[in-house]
Amino acid sequence: MAPVYLAGAFSAELCDIRIYNEQYSGPLENEQLFSWPDMLVLTGITVAFDRMLHLTAYARSKNPNVIVVAGGPPIRALPRYSQRFFDYCCVGDVEQLKEVITDAFGKAYVAQEMFPRYDLAYWTGRIGYVESSRNCNFRCPFCSLTGDGVSYQKYDLEYIRKQIVALGKKDFIVFLDNNFYGNDRKYFLERIDLIKELRNAGFFRAWGALVTNDFFYKEENLYLVQKAGCLAMFSGVESFDTQWLQNNKAQNIRFPQVELIRKSLDAGVVFLYGLIMDITSRRIADLQREIDFIIDTPDITLPSYLVAPIPFLGTPFFYECLAKGTILPKTKLRDLDSATLSLRPLDTISEVANFFRNIQNLSGYRLRVLRHSLSFYKRYRSKFNTMQMITALSSGALLCAEKFATSSDWLSLIFKWKRFRTHISTTETLDAVYKPAFRVDSRYKDYFKPTMVTDESGRLCEELTEDLIITKKTLVKTDDCVH
């Protein structure tokens, strides 16, 4: 949804604006469309950095005068390195785009009020997305928000109301907040009242959000959100191992994880979560026991994903891995995707690669997943409506049918080399998008080379040291837009 919010920075009267969502529509390869814009604004998660380079090469080959603006986690982590490729490198929030527009075109081209362009979000359908807060009040060592050093921010209630009303009638609304609960209970209660009001007015049927585990500390919270029409809450369980949580996510150890999940389900709120398979501190046998335990506990939901630990650039976890030399040689930025092993494990690399290859689709567990789902259905069918039950059971189904779940045009192209995957960053093959879709200017041929994090010896690549070593403690956050 970031492009939708970014588009709101431009004057709708003076600017012709188009949004393209590659996750929904597949790789952008339309040569005519690349020659169209005066300004190309790019954003994405860490692994999208190379894709931003590809799109920049396409656009500049078709229009040498195009202005390219880039932002998001990879730009914030590598602001100086990024200046080699983009005209404007924004390490601030979406509002920084207003400064860019003013500098490039003049203040007249900036919207008087920056508001999400939901009318351009062609992929949303019956689901709406809004924000009521920004960032998180916790500092987990592996989280990119911790690396950014950003603070938790609350939005004005009227701005939240305006977003929901602007969406029109929706079946379901997702709050995009990194932590919907936050650290201000009064503000949380005010938002619940607003949600109830707008739901009763018919703007949406149900909603969901992401919260941290402290949300479940107060019994009243589940009652409040359930009465306000909450269908599901996502919370980062990450692990059922208490020792691991103590070292990585201490806020999760106040209550046993199973007890916490049951509490939510019994209150009529679907509990969704993910797991980190930390092969750097735990053995495969230990992780397999954890998966066995979850599948054999039918009164809790199955995880939505099982991922490898990721050393996101600039996070405390990244620097810990760098100091210990645990990042594998020839790791590419593109490999920090949660399905590729980029860290040295306790077990052998081949064993861990095979482990990750199998758990991506729960190979060997599918019959047990079916039994779990049937038992779960019998236990909770009186507590959940049809929409909730489908949501609760979808995690296991999608994990088992991983190939089907990733069979859209975009993902089938990205993963058409999938049978050749090694799941090891040192030897992993590149995505199909690293081959230019059409002829590009020779000046930009290097834009299709992968950005390397480590060299053949496992040391940090020299090109990234200025951002990640020399300046890691001295980067001035007020200098948000470098160009």
Protein backbone atom coordinates (compact mmCIF):
# COMPACT_ATOMS: atom_id res chain seq x y z
CA MET A 1 0.00 0.00 0.00
CA ALA A 2 3.00 2.34 0.22
CA PRO A 3 2.56 3.55 -3.41
CA VAL A 4 -1.04 4.52 -2.59
CA TYR A 5 0.16 6.72 0.27
CA LEU A 6 3.04 8.11 -1.79
CA ALA A 7 0.74 9.03 -4.67
CA GLY A 8 -1.12 11.30 -2.29
CA ALA A 9 1.86 13.68 -2.19
CA PHE A 10 1.25 14.84 -5.78
CA SER A 11 -1.28 17.44 -6.81
CA ALA A 12 -4.15 15.57 -8.43
CA GLU A 13 -5.01 18.69 -10.47
CA LEU A 14 -1.54 19.20 -11.98
CA CYS A 15 -0.16 15.65 -12.10
CA ASP A 16 -1.14 12.54 -14.05
CA ILE A 17 -0.39 9.70 -11.64
CA ARG A 18 -0.24 5.96 -12.23
CA ILE A 19 0.46 3.18 -9.76
CA TYR A 20 1.84 -0.23 -10.65
CA ASN A 21 1.89 -3.06 -8.10
CA GLU A 22 4.28 -5.81 -9.21
CA GLN A 23 3.22 -8.15 -6.43
CA TYR A 24 -0.30 -8.16 -7.86
CA SER A 25 0.24 -7.48 -11.57
CA GLY A 26 3.53 -9.22 -12.27
CA PRO A 27 6.83 -7.70 -13.42
CA LEU A 28 6.48 -4.32 -15.12
CA GLU A 29 7.90 -4.85 -18.63
CA ASN A 30 5.78 -2.50 -20.74
CA GLU A 31 8.29 -0.47 -22.77
CA GLN A 32 5.74 2.20 -23.63
CA LEU A 33 4.83 2.70 -20.01
CA PHE A 34 8.49 3.16 -19.05
CA SER A 35 8.81 6.03 -21.51
CA TRP A 36 5.75 7.79 -20.05
CA PRO A 37 6.70 9.27 -16.61
CA ASP A 38 8.61 12.45 -15.79
CA MET A 39 9.24 10.97 -12.33
CA LEU A 40 9.44 7.33 -11.26
CA VAL A 41 8.90 6.72 -7.53
CA LEU A 42 10.06 3.33 -6.23
CA THR A 43 9.63 1.61 -2.89
CA GLY A 44 9.77 -1.93 -1.52
CA ILE A 45 11.11 -4.17 1.21
CA THR A 46 14.82 -5.02 1.60
CA VAL A 47 14.95 -7.71 -1.10
CA ALA A 48 13.35 -5.29 -3.60
CA PHE A 49 16.49 -3.12 -3.89
CA ASP A 50 17.77 -4.90 -6.99
CA ARG A 51 14.33 -4.74 -8.55
CA MET A 52 14.40 -0.96 -8.08
CA LEU A 53 17.66 -0.94 -10.05
CA HIS A 54 16.07 -2.96 -12.87
CA LEU A 55 13.14 -0.55 -13.14
CA THR A 56 15.49 2.42 -13.06
CA ALA A 57 17.50 0.96 -15.95
CA TYR A 58 14.32 0.39 -17.97
CA ALA A 59 12.99 3.90 -17.35
CA ARG A 60 16.26 5.71 -18.09
CA SER A 61 16.78 3.68 -21.25
CA LYS A 62 13.40 4.83 -22.55
CA ASN A 63 13.57 8.36 -21.15
CA PRO A 64 17.03 9.70 -20.17
CA ASN A 65 15.42 12.71 -18.47
CA VAL A 66 13.25 10.74 -16.06
CA ILE A 67 13.74 11.60 -12.37
CA VAL A 68 14.02 8.48 -10.22
CA VAL A 69 13.09 8.59 -6.53
CA ALA A 70 13.65 5.61 -4.22
CA GLY A 71 12.76 4.95 -0.59
CA GLY A 72 11.91 2.22 1.87
CA PRO A 73 13.98 -0.10 4.13
CA PRO A 74 16.85 -0.82 1.67
CA ILE A 75 17.39 2.89 0.97
CA ARG A 76 17.35 3.70 4.69
CA ALA A 77 19.92 0.97 5.29
CA LEU A 78 22.14 2.01 2.34
CA PRO A 79 21.59 5.77 1.81
CA ARG A 80 25.06 6.57 0.46
CA TYR A 81 25.36 3.49 -1.73
CA SER A 82 21.90 4.23 -3.16
CA GLN A 83 23.03 7.66 -4.37
CA ARG A 84 24.98 5.93 -7.13
CA PHE A 85 21.76 4.84 -8.78
CA PHE A 86 18.86 7.13 -7.93
CA ASP A 87 18.31 10.88 -8.24
CA TYR A 88 16.64 11.15 -4.83
CA CYS A 89 17.28 8.73 -1.97
CA CYS A 90 14.69 9.21 0.78
CA VAL A 91 15.38 7.71 4.19
CA GLY A 92 12.45 9.41 5.90
CA ASP A 93 8.76 8.62 5.93
CA VAL A 94 6.39 8.92 2.96
CA GLU A 95 5.91 12.64 3.65
CA GLN A 96 9.49 13.25 2.46
CA LEU A 97 8.20 12.89 -1.09
CA LYS A 98 6.63 16.35 -0.78
CA GLU A 99 10.11 17.84 -0.41
CA VAL A 100 11.29 15.92 -3.46
CA ILE A 101 8.39 17.14 -5.57
CA THR A 102 9.00 20.72 -4.46
CA ASP A 103 12.68 20.49 -5.33
CA ALA A 104 12.11 18.78 -8.70
CA PHE A 105 8.96 20.49 -10.02
CA GLY A 106 8.00 23.27 -7.65
CA LYS A 107 5.67 23.61 -4.68
CA ALA A 108 2.60 23.96 -6.90
CA TYR A 109 2.85 20.27 -7.80
CA VAL A 110 2.55 19.15 -4.16
CA ALA A 111 -0.91 18.18 -2.88
CA GLN A 112 -2.38 20.65 -0.42
CA GLU A 113 -3.30 17.69 1.77
CA MET A 114 -1.39 14.42 1.53
CA PHE A 115 -4.02 11.67 1.54
CA PRO A 116 -3.91 8.08 0.24
CA ARG A 117 -5.05 7.68 -3.38
CA TYR A 118 -7.33 4.72 -2.78
CA ASP A 119 -8.93 5.40 -6.15
CA LEU A 120 -5.70 4.24 -7.81
CA ALA A 121 -5.37 1.02 -5.76
CA TYR A 122 -6.80 -1.28 -8.45
CA TRP A 123 -5.84 -4.50 -6.65
CA THR A 124 -7.69 -4.12 -3.33
CA GLY A 125 -11.18 -5.35 -4.26
CA ARG A 126 -13.42 -5.94 -1.25
CA ILE A 127 -10.56 -5.55 1.23
CA GLY A 128 -9.53 -2.11 2.49
CA TYR A 129 -6.25 -1.07 4.09
CA VAL A 130 -5.76 1.81 6.52
CA GLU A 131 -3.17 3.00 9.04
CA SER A 132 -3.92 4.26 12.54
CA SER A 133 -0.32 4.36 13.81
CA ARG A 134 3.21 4.03 12.54
CA ASN A 135 6.23 1.99 13.67
CA CYS A 136 6.45 0.03 16.93
CA ASN A 137 7.14 0.73 20.61
CA PHE A 138 9.24 -2.44 20.98
CA ARG A 139 12.83 -2.93 19.81
CA CYS A 140 13.27 -6.54 18.72
CA PRO A 141 16.92 -7.07 17.65
CA PHE A 142 16.01 -8.75 14.34
CA CYS A 143 13.43 -6.17 13.20
CA SER A 144 14.16 -3.66 10.43
CA LEU A 145 12.25 -1.00 12.39
CA THR A 146 14.83 -1.33 15.16
CA GLY A 147 17.55 -0.81 12.59
CA ASP A 148 15.79 2.31 11.34
CA GLY A 149 15.68 3.74 14.86
CA VAL A 150 12.18 5.11 14.31
CA SER A 151 9.69 5.93 17.06
CA TYR A 152 6.07 4.92 17.52
CA GLN A 153 3.61 7.52 16.17
CA LYS A 154 -0.15 7.90 16.61
CA TYR A 155 -2.50 9.29 13.98
CA ASP A 156 -5.30 11.77 14.57
CA LEU A 157 -8.66 10.02 14.97
CA GLU A 158 -10.27 12.17 12.30
CA TYR A 159 -7.57 11.14 9.83
CA ILE A 160 -8.37 7.48 10.56
CA ARG A 161 -12.07 8.17 10.08
CA LYS A 162 -11.38 9.91 6.79
CA GLN A 163 -9.36 6.93 5.51
CA ILE A 164 -12.10 4.43 6.29
CA VAL A 165 -14.82 6.58 4.77
CA ALA A 166 -12.71 7.16 1.64
CA LEU A 167 -12.41 3.40 1.09
CA GLY A 168 -16.11 3.07 0.43
CA LYS A 169 -18.01 -0.06 1.40
CA LYS A 170 -15.67 -2.98 2.15
CA ASP A 171 -16.14 -6.49 3.45
CA PHE A 172 -12.97 -6.45 5.48
CA ILE A 173 -10.49 -3.81 6.65
CA VAL A 174 -6.86 -4.52 7.54
CA PHE A 175 -5.07 -2.08 9.81
CA LEU A 176 -1.54 -1.80 8.46
CA ASP A 177 -0.06 -0.69 11.80
CA ASN A 178 3.19 -2.38 12.82
CA ASN A 179 1.62 -2.55 16.28
CA PHE A 180 -2.08 -1.70 16.48
CA TYR A 181 -2.14 -1.88 20.30
CA GLY A 182 0.79 0.45 20.94
CA ASN A 183 1.67 1.98 24.30
CA ASP A 184 -1.29 4.34 24.85
CA ARG A 185 -4.36 2.51 26.16
CA LYS A 186 -6.57 5.60 25.98
CA TYR A 187 -5.76 5.93 22.28
CA PHE A 188 -6.45 2.21 21.76
CA LEU A 189 -9.90 2.54 23.38
CA GLU A 190 -10.68 5.63 21.29
CA ARG A 191 -9.89 3.73 18.09
CA ILE A 192 -12.08 0.81 19.15
CA ASP A 193 -14.98 3.22 19.69
CA LEU A 194 -14.36 4.72 16.24
CA ILE A 195 -14.23 1.28 14.63
CA LYS A 196 -17.51 0.28 16.27
CA GLU A 197 -19.15 3.49 15.09
CA LEU A 198 -18.05 3.10 11.47
CA ARG A 199 -18.83 -0.62 11.38
CA ASN A 200 -22.34 0.03 12.68
CA ALA A 201 -22.69 2.67 9.95
CA GLY A 202 -22.04 -0.06 7.38
CA PHE A 203 -18.59 0.90 6.06
CA PHE A 204 -17.21 -2.63 6.63
CA ARG A 205 -18.24 -6.01 8.04
CA ALA A 206 -15.11 -7.09 9.88
CA TRP A 207 -11.50 -6.08 10.48
CA GLY A 208 -8.13 -7.34 11.57
CA ALA A 209 -4.79 -5.99 12.78
CA LEU A 210 -1.28 -6.85 13.94
CA VAL A 211 -0.51 -6.62 17.66
CA THR A 212 2.32 -7.51 20.00
CA ASN A 213 1.80 -10.07 22.76
CA ASP A 214 1.20 -7.45 25.44
CA PHE A 215 -2.22 -6.87 23.85
CA PHE A 216 -3.33 -10.21 25.32
CA TYR A 217 -2.22 -9.38 28.87
CA LYS A 218 -5.57 -7.69 29.60
CA GLU A 219 -8.55 -10.04 29.31
CA GLU A 220 -10.75 -7.07 28.45
CA ASN A 221 -8.89 -6.35 25.19
CA LEU A 222 -10.12 -9.48 23.43
CA TYR A 223 -13.68 -8.78 24.52
CA LEU A 224 -13.46 -5.20 23.24
CA VAL A 225 -12.14 -6.06 19.78
CA GLN A 226 -14.48 -9.02 19.37
CA LYS A 227 -17.49 -6.82 20.12
CA ALA A 228 -16.13 -4.27 17.63
CA GLY A 229 -16.17 -6.88 14.84
CA CYS A 230 -12.56 -8.06 14.87
CA LEU A 231 -12.18 -11.21 12.79
CA ALA A 232 -8.51 -11.96 13.44
CA MET A 233 -5.36 -10.67 15.10
CA PHE A 234 -1.84 -11.42 13.89
CA SER A 235 0.88 -11.53 16.53
CA GLY A 236 4.53 -12.49 16.16
CA VAL A 237 4.86 -15.64 18.24
CA GLU A 238 8.22 -16.35 16.51
CA SER A 239 8.95 -19.39 18.72
CA PHE A 240 7.53 -21.62 21.45
CA ASP A 241 11.03 -21.91 22.96
CA THR A 242 11.25 -19.76 26.12
CA GLN A 243 15.02 -19.41 26.05
CA TRP A 244 15.02 -18.18 22.47
CA LEU A 245 12.29 -15.67 23.29
CA GLN A 246 14.23 -14.44 26.32
CA ASN A 247 17.13 -13.54 24.03
CA ASN A 248 15.13 -12.16 21.11
CA LYS A 249 11.58 -11.20 22.06
CA ALA A 250 11.26 -10.99 25.83
CA GLN A 251 7.75 -9.50 25.74
CA ASN A 252 6.51 -12.91 24.57
CA ILE A 253 7.43 -14.86 27.72
CA ARG A 254 4.93 -13.43 30.19
CA PHE A 255 2.33 -16.06 29.25
CA PRO A 256 2.88 -19.51 27.70
CA GLN A 257 2.31 -19.18 23.98
CA VAL A 258 -0.26 -21.98 23.78
CA GLU A 259 -2.28 -20.45 26.61
CA LEU A 260 -2.22 -17.10 24.86
CA ILE A 261 -3.43 -18.54 21.54
CA ARG A 262 -6.21 -20.54 23.21
CA LYS A 263 -7.36 -17.43 25.06
CA SER A 264 -7.77 -15.54 21.82
CA LEU A 265 -9.55 -18.38 20.02
CA ASP A 266 -11.93 -19.02 22.91
CA ALA A 267 -12.81 -15.32 22.86
CA GLY A 268 -13.87 -15.64 19.21
CA VAL A 269 -10.85 -13.89 17.68
CA VAL A 270 -8.74 -15.90 15.22
CA PHE A 271 -5.06 -15.90 16.23
CA LEU A 272 -2.56 -15.79 13.34
CA TYR A 273 1.20 -15.97 13.78
CA GLY A 274 4.50 -16.89 12.21
CA LEU A 275 7.56 -18.84 13.37
CA ILE A 276 11.27 -18.16 12.98
CA MET A 277 13.25 -21.34 12.44
CA ASP A 278 16.48 -20.08 14.00
CA ILE A 279 19.02 -22.59 12.76
CA THR A 280 21.87 -20.42 14.13
CA SER A 281 21.01 -21.19 17.76
CA ARG A 282 18.84 -24.32 17.54
CA ARG A 283 19.29 -27.77 16.05
CA ILE A 284 17.07 -29.12 13.29
CA ALA A 285 15.88 -31.85 15.66
CA ASP A 286 14.73 -29.18 18.13
CA LEU A 287 12.90 -27.25 15.42
CA GLN A 288 11.24 -30.43 14.15
CA ARG A 289 10.04 -31.19 17.69
CA GLU A 290 8.51 -27.72 17.81
CA ILE A 291 6.67 -28.29 14.52
CA ASP A 292 5.52 -31.71 15.77
CA PHE A 293 4.22 -30.12 18.97
CA ILE A 294 2.22 -27.48 17.07
CA ILE A 295 0.67 -29.94 14.64
CA ASP A 296 -0.22 -32.29 17.51
CA THR A 297 -1.96 -29.46 19.39
CA PRO A 298 -5.27 -29.03 17.52
CA ASP A 299 -6.65 -26.37 19.87
CA ILE A 300 -4.26 -23.77 18.42
CA THR A 301 -3.96 -22.44 14.88
CA LEU A 302 -1.12 -23.51 12.62
CA PRO A 303 1.52 -20.89 11.75
CA SER A 304 1.05 -18.68 8.70
CA TYR A 305 4.71 -19.06 7.77
CA LEU A 306 7.93 -20.82 8.78
CA VAL A 307 10.96 -18.72 7.93
CA ALA A 308 14.71 -18.66 8.26
CA PRO A 309 16.27 -15.91 10.41
CA ILE A 310 17.13 -12.85 8.32
CA PRO A 311 20.06 -10.52 9.10
CA PHE A 312 18.28 -7.35 7.92
CA LEU A 313 20.86 -4.66 7.22
CA GLY A 314 21.45 -2.25 10.08
CA THR A 315 19.69 -4.26 12.79
CA PRO A 316 21.39 -5.36 16.03
CA PHE A 317 21.03 -8.94 14.79
CA PHE A 318 22.85 -8.05 11.57
CA TYR A 319 25.82 -6.59 13.44
CA GLU A 320 25.89 -9.57 15.78
CA CYS A 321 26.03 -11.94 12.80
CA LEU A 322 28.65 -9.78 11.12
CA ALA A 323 30.85 -9.79 14.23
CA LYS A 324 30.55 -13.55 14.62
CA GLY A 325 31.17 -14.16 10.91
CA THR A 326 27.97 -16.18 10.55
CA ILE A 327 26.71 -14.58 7.32
CA LEU A 328 27.51 -17.02 4.54
CA PRO A 329 29.95 -16.10 1.75
CA LYS A 330 28.55 -14.57 -1.45
CA THR A 331 25.23 -13.70 0.18
CA LYS A 332 23.18 -11.38 -2.02
CA LEU A 333 20.76 -8.76 -0.76
CA ARG A 334 18.14 -10.64 -2.72
CA ASP A 335 18.81 -13.74 -0.55
CA LEU A 336 17.42 -12.07 2.58
CA ASP A 337 14.00 -13.43 1.68
CA SER A 338 13.27 -15.82 4.62
CA ALA A 339 13.30 -18.92 2.38
CA THR A 340 17.05 -18.88 1.69
CA LEU A 341 19.70 -19.87 4.20
CA SER A 342 22.03 -16.88 4.60
CA LEU A 343 23.52 -17.67 8.04
CA ARG A 344 25.88 -20.39 9.21
CA PRO A 345 23.78 -23.04 11.04
CA LEU A 346 24.59 -25.37 13.93
CA ASP A 347 23.86 -28.40 11.75
CA THR A 348 25.47 -28.94 8.37
CA ILE A 349 24.47 -26.58 5.59
CA SER A 350 23.17 -29.41 3.39
CA GLU A 351 20.95 -30.73 6.20
CA VAL A 352 19.52 -27.28 6.90
CA ALA A 353 18.94 -26.56 3.19
CA ASN A 354 16.99 -29.81 2.90
CA PHE A 355 15.04 -28.92 6.04
CA PHE A 356 13.97 -25.56 4.63
CA ARG A 357 13.16 -27.07 1.26
CA ASN A 358 10.70 -29.42 2.96
CA ILE A 359 9.07 -27.11 5.50
CA GLN A 360 8.19 -24.56 2.81
CA ASN A 361 5.27 -26.85 1.92
CA LEU A 362 5.20 -29.01 5.08
CA SER A 363 6.35 -32.03 3.13
CA GLY A 364 5.83 -35.14 5.26
CA TYR A 365 3.30 -33.39 7.52
CA ARG A 366 0.24 -33.05 5.26
CA LEU A 367 -1.85 -35.91 6.61
CA ARG A 368 -1.20 -34.69 10.16
CA VAL A 369 -2.13 -31.14 9.10
CA LEU A 370 -5.45 -32.48 7.80
CA ARG A 371 -6.11 -34.23 11.12
CA HIS A 372 -5.20 -31.03 12.98
CA SER A 373 -7.60 -29.02 10.82
CA LEU A 374 -10.50 -31.44 11.38
CA SER A 375 -9.98 -31.44 15.15
CA PHE A 376 -9.64 -27.65 15.17
CA TYR A 377 -12.89 -27.30 13.23
CA LYS A 378 -14.79 -29.52 15.68
CA ARG A 379 -13.48 -27.59 18.67
CA TYR A 380 -14.15 -24.05 17.41
CA ARG A 381 -17.07 -24.36 14.98
CA SER A 382 -19.46 -22.91 17.57
CA LYS A 383 -17.19 -19.91 18.23
CA PHE A 384 -16.33 -18.84 14.68
CA ASN A 385 -18.42 -17.76 11.73
CA THR A 386 -17.67 -19.13 8.26
CA MET A 387 -15.29 -16.30 7.35
CA GLN A 388 -13.33 -16.76 10.58
CA MET A 389 -13.09 -20.53 10.21
CA ILE A 390 -11.77 -20.19 6.65
CA THR A 391 -9.20 -17.69 7.91
CA ALA A 392 -8.16 -19.93 10.79
CA LEU A 393 -7.71 -23.00 8.59
CA SER A 394 -6.10 -21.20 5.65
CA SER A 395 -2.59 -21.14 7.12
CA GLY A 396 -2.15 -24.91 7.09
CA ALA A 397 -3.85 -25.26 3.71
CA LEU A 398 -1.68 -22.64 2.04
CA LEU A 399 1.51 -24.04 3.54
CA CYS A 400 0.69 -27.50 2.23
CA ALA A 401 -0.31 -26.12 -1.18
CA GLU A 402 2.66 -23.77 -1.40
CA LYS A 403 3.07 -24.21 -5.17
CA PHE A 404 -0.59 -23.42 -5.75
CA ALA A 405 -0.45 -20.43 -3.40
CA THR A 406 2.47 -18.93 -5.33
CA SER A 407 1.17 -19.62 -8.82
CA SER A 408 0.22 -16.08 -9.89
CA ASP A 409 1.84 -14.70 -13.04
CA TRP A 410 4.31 -12.67 -10.99
CA LEU A 411 5.42 -15.43 -8.69
CA SER A 412 5.44 -18.15 -11.32
CA LEU A 413 7.87 -16.03 -13.33
CA ILE A 414 10.04 -15.27 -10.32
CA PHE A 415 10.14 -18.91 -9.28
CA LYS A 416 10.12 -20.67 -12.63
CA TRP A 417 13.70 -21.66 -11.79
CA LYS A 418 12.41 -23.10 -8.52
CA ARG A 419 13.39 -26.72 -9.15
CA PHE A 420 17.00 -25.57 -9.39
CA ARG A 421 16.96 -23.76 -6.05
CA THR A 422 19.61 -24.64 -3.49
CA HIS A 423 18.09 -22.61 -0.62
CA ILE A 424 21.66 -21.57 0.26
CA SER A 425 22.69 -17.97 -0.40
CA THR A 426 26.23 -18.90 -1.46
CA THR A 427 24.97 -21.02 -4.34
CA GLU A 428 21.41 -19.77 -4.94
CA THR A 429 20.52 -18.97 -8.55
CA LEU A 430 19.11 -15.60 -9.58
CA ASP A 431 15.48 -14.81 -10.33
CA ALA A 432 14.36 -14.59 -13.94
CA VAL A 433 13.91 -10.82 -13.59
CA TYR A 434 17.70 -10.37 -13.47
CA LYS A 435 17.67 -10.91 -17.23
CA PRO A 436 16.50 -7.67 -18.96
CA ALA A 437 13.04 -8.01 -20.46
CA PHE A 438 14.05 -5.73 -23.35
CA ARG A 439 17.14 -3.93 -24.60
CA VAL A 440 18.54 -1.41 -22.12
CA ASP A 441 21.23 1.22 -22.53
CA SER A 442 24.72 -0.26 -22.03
CA ARG A 443 25.32 2.26 -19.23
CA TYR A 444 22.86 0.35 -17.11
CA LYS A 445 23.95 -3.24 -17.70
CA ASP A 446 25.44 -3.40 -14.17
CA TYR A 447 22.03 -2.56 -12.73
CA PHE A 448 21.10 -6.19 -13.38
CA LYS A 449 23.95 -7.55 -11.28
CA PRO A 450 22.92 -8.64 -7.78
CA THR A 451 23.87 -6.43 -4.84
CA MET A 452 26.29 -8.46 -2.74
CA VAL A 453 26.24 -8.36 1.06
CA THR A 454 29.30 -10.55 1.64
CA ASP A 455 32.27 -11.46 -0.52
CA GLU A 456 33.76 -14.90 -1.21
CA SER A 457 35.37 -14.91 2.25
CA GLY A 458 32.18 -14.00 4.07
CA ARG A 459 33.31 -10.44 4.85
CA LEU A 460 31.03 -7.45 4.30
CA CYS A 461 31.38 -6.21 0.74
CA GLU A 462 33.46 -3.07 0.55
CA GLU A 463 30.77 -1.14 -1.33
CA LEU A 464 28.44 -1.35 1.69
CA THR A 465 30.94 -0.57 4.44
CA GLU A 466 30.44 3.20 4.37
CA ASP A 467 26.77 2.77 5.19
CA LEU A 468 26.95 -0.25 7.49
CA ILE A 469 30.28 0.14 9.31
CA ILE A 470 31.72 3.64 9.07
CA THR A 471 28.46 5.50 9.57
CA LYS A 472 26.30 3.07 11.52
CA LYS A 473 26.41 5.25 14.63
CA THR A 474 26.75 8.66 13.03
CA LEU A 475 24.04 8.77 10.36
CA VAL A 476 22.04 11.94 11.00
CA LYS A 477 18.34 11.11 10.79
CA THR A 478 17.29 14.74 10.24
CA ASP A 479 19.02 14.68 6.86
CA ASP A 480 16.13 12.64 5.53
CA CYS A 481 16.39 13.29 1.81
CA VAL A 482 19.76 12.99 0.10
CA HIS A 483 20.04 13.87 -3.57
